[in-house]
Structures are given as C-alpha cells and as structure tokens.
C-alpha cells in the first residue's frame, strides 16, 4: 500500500527470505500415552494436585464434561491441521 501511494519506492518485504521449516512427519500417540493423558485429565477435573501444581481447592468445581469432550476427540482421531479439527 505504501508503494502504491508512493510513500516508499520499493516493497521491503519482497526481499525477506522464507523462514526455514522442519519437515517432520506427524506421529500419533500410542495407547499408553493416551491412557496417561486421560488419567491426568481425570485427576485435573477432580482437583487433585499434579506435578508442579497444588490441588484445586477453591472456586467452582471443574466441569466433568471436559472428559466427555476429550473422549470424543480421542475416539474420532482428528488430525492436527485438518479443517475444522478443534485443538486439544
């Protein structure tokens, strides 16, 4: 826009190189990792202390429906980057 309106004589972004990207193949979690994730999430919902944090002892109770949402996500296996795939 600045070039079109003659505020600058050239587009400085045109000379910027692309950022290097690592092209790693996505990998899925194994059943042991998923079971650990589910167990840790259950402890979090119940207010149990987790590594590096104290237990949840005040405020509203955490919603048990979080576990249902995670079960649907883990059961339907959306891949990261799929259109419409929620982030977990």
C-alpha atoms as a PDB file:
ATOM      1  CA  UNK A   1       0.000   0.000   0.000  1.00  0.00           C
ATOM      2  CA  UNK A   2       2.842   2.331   0.828  1.00  0.00           C
ATOM      3  CA  UNK A   3       4.470   1.552  -2.539  1.00  0.00           C
ATOM      4  CA  UNK A   4       1.211   2.176  -4.392  1.00  0.00           C
ATOM      5  CA  UNK A   5       0.828   5.538  -2.699  1.00  0.00           C
ATOM      6  CA  UNK A   6       4.488   6.424  -3.353  1.00  0.00           C
ATOM      7  CA  UNK A   7       5.352   6.692   0.337  1.00  0.00           C
ATOM      8  CA  UNK A   8       8.284   4.302  -0.291  1.00  0.00           C
ATOM      9  CA  UNK A   9       9.922   3.313  -3.570  1.00  0.00           C
ATOM     10  CA  UNK A  10      10.035  -0.490  -3.103  1.00  0.00           C
ATOM     11  CA  UNK A  11       8.413  -3.239  -1.045  1.00  0.00           C
ATOM     12  CA  UNK A  12      10.874  -4.245   1.723  1.00  0.00           C
ATOM     13  CA  UNK A  13       9.007  -7.481   2.444  1.00  0.00           C
ATOM     14  CA  UNK A  14       9.766  -8.806  -1.053  1.00  0.00           C
ATOM     15  CA  UNK A  15      13.459  -9.245  -0.124  1.00  0.00           C
ATOM     16  CA  UNK A  16      12.769 -11.149   3.106  1.00  0.00           C
ATOM     17  CA  UNK A  17      13.641 -14.836   2.895  1.00  0.00           C
ATOM     18  CA  UNK A  18      11.200 -17.522   3.968  1.00  0.00           C
ATOM     19  CA  UNK A  19      11.690 -18.970   7.414  1.00  0.00           C
ATOM     20  CA  UNK A  20      13.268 -22.415   7.388  1.00  0.00           C
ATOM     21  CA  UNK A  21      10.832 -25.129   8.394  1.00  0.00           C
ATOM     22  CA  UNK A  22      11.468 -28.581   9.691  1.00  0.00           C
ATOM     23  CA  UNK A  23       9.519 -31.084   7.670  1.00  0.00           C
ATOM     24  CA  UNK A  24       8.779 -33.742  10.243  1.00  0.00           C
ATOM     25  CA  UNK A  25       6.258 -36.457   9.670  1.00  0.00           C
ATOM     26  CA  UNK A  26       3.338 -36.259  12.125  1.00  0.00           C
ATOM     27  CA  UNK A  27       3.118 -39.157  14.511  1.00  0.00           C
ATOM     28  CA  UNK A  28       0.264 -40.432  16.585  1.00  0.00           C
ATOM     29  CA  UNK A  29       0.263 -41.145  20.279  1.00  0.00           C
ATOM     30  CA  UNK A  30       0.277 -44.742  21.424  1.00  0.00           C
ATOM     31  CA  UNK A  31      -2.390 -46.212  23.693  1.00  0.00           C
ATOM     32  CA  UNK A  32      -0.189 -45.906  26.793  1.00  0.00           C
ATOM     33  CA  UNK A  33       0.266 -42.171  26.233  1.00  0.00           C
ATOM     34  CA  UNK A  34      -3.464 -41.702  25.636  1.00  0.00           C
ATOM     35  CA  UNK A  35      -4.294 -43.602  28.833  1.00  0.00           C
ATOM     36  CA  UNK A  36      -1.843 -41.418  30.785  1.00  0.00           C
ATOM     37  CA  UNK A  37      -3.352 -38.279  29.263  1.00  0.00           C
ATOM     38  CA  UNK A  38      -6.864 -39.408  30.190  1.00  0.00           C
ATOM     39  CA  UNK A  39      -5.794 -40.284  33.759  1.00  0.00           C
ATOM     40  CA  UNK A  40      -4.054 -36.927  34.224  1.00  0.00           C
ATOM     41  CA  UNK A  41      -7.095 -35.096  32.885  1.00  0.00           C
ATOM     42  CA  UNK A  42      -9.363 -37.030  35.262  1.00  0.00           C
ATOM     43  CA  UNK A  43      -7.127 -36.018  38.175  1.00  0.00           C
ATOM     44  CA  UNK A  44      -7.220 -32.390  36.977  1.00  0.00           C
ATOM     45  CA  UNK A  45     -11.027 -32.394  36.766  1.00  0.00           C
ATOM     46  CA  UNK A  46     -11.243 -33.877  40.276  1.00  0.00           C
ATOM     47  CA  UNK A  47      -8.888 -31.185  41.632  1.00  0.00           C
ATOM     48  CA  UNK A  48      -6.015 -33.496  42.523  1.00  0.00           C
ATOM     49  CA  UNK A  49      -2.532 -31.993  42.691  1.00  0.00           C
ATOM     50  CA  UNK A  50      -0.490 -32.515  39.522  1.00  0.00           C
ATOM     51  CA  UNK A  51       3.259 -32.379  39.013  1.00  0.00           C
ATOM     52  CA  UNK A  52       4.383 -28.857  39.783  1.00  0.00           C
ATOM     53  CA  UNK A  53       0.992 -27.549  40.955  1.00  0.00           C
ATOM     54  CA  UNK A  54      -1.065 -27.680  44.092  1.00  0.00           C
ATOM     55  CA  UNK A  55      -4.516 -29.220  44.267  1.00  0.00           C
ATOM     56  CA  UNK A  56      -7.558 -27.202  43.232  1.00  0.00           C
ATOM     57  CA  UNK A  57      -9.328 -26.338  46.489  1.00  0.00           C
ATOM     58  CA  UNK A  58     -11.385 -23.195  45.866  1.00  0.00           C
ATOM     59  CA  UNK A  59     -13.828 -21.786  43.333  1.00  0.00           C
ATOM     60  CA  UNK A  60     -16.358 -23.665  41.260  1.00  0.00           C
ATOM     61  CA  UNK A  61     -15.876 -27.367  40.679  1.00  0.00           C
ATOM     62  CA  UNK A  62     -14.320 -28.252  37.362  1.00  0.00           C
ATOM     63  CA  UNK A  63     -16.805 -29.479  34.806  1.00  0.00           C
ATOM     64  CA  UNK A  64     -16.897 -33.255  34.261  1.00  0.00           C
ATOM     65  CA  UNK A  65     -17.998 -32.670  30.645  1.00  0.00           C
ATOM     66  CA  UNK A  66     -14.391 -31.892  29.787  1.00  0.00           C
ATOM     67  CA  UNK A  67     -13.784 -35.640  29.980  1.00  0.00           C
ATOM     68  CA  UNK A  68     -16.631 -36.279  27.521  1.00  0.00           C
ATOM     69  CA  UNK A  69     -15.201 -33.788  25.038  1.00  0.00           C
ATOM     70  CA  UNK A  70     -11.750 -35.365  25.285  1.00  0.00           C
ATOM     71  CA  UNK A  71     -13.217 -38.857  24.859  1.00  0.00           C
ATOM     72  CA  UNK A  72     -14.938 -37.741  21.642  1.00  0.00           C
ATOM     73  CA  UNK A  73     -11.727 -36.126  20.395  1.00  0.00           C
ATOM     74  CA  UNK A  74      -9.649 -39.190  21.174  1.00  0.00           C
ATOM     75  CA  UNK A  75     -12.290 -41.512  19.743  1.00  0.00           C
ATOM     76  CA  UNK A  76     -12.737 -39.709  16.438  1.00  0.00           C
ATOM     77  CA  UNK A  77      -8.993 -39.061  16.000  1.00  0.00           C
ATOM     78  CA  UNK A  78      -8.998 -35.712  14.169  1.00  0.00           C
ATOM     79  CA  UNK A  79      -5.545 -34.920  12.842  1.00  0.00           C
ATOM     80  CA  UNK A  80      -3.841 -31.608  13.610  1.00  0.00           C
ATOM     81  CA  UNK A  81      -4.233 -29.312  10.644  1.00  0.00           C
ATOM     82  CA  UNK A  82      -7.478 -30.821   9.362  1.00  0.00           C
ATOM     83  CA  UNK A  83     -10.036 -28.137   8.525  1.00  0.00           C
ATOM     84  CA  UNK A  84     -12.449 -27.853  11.408  1.00  0.00           C
ATOM     85  CA  UNK A  85     -10.381 -30.012  13.731  1.00  0.00           C
ATOM     86  CA  UNK A  86     -10.525 -28.487  17.227  1.00  0.00           C
ATOM     87  CA  UNK A  87      -7.290 -28.144  19.123  1.00  0.00           C
ATOM     88  CA  UNK A  88      -6.934 -30.185  22.254  1.00  0.00           C
END
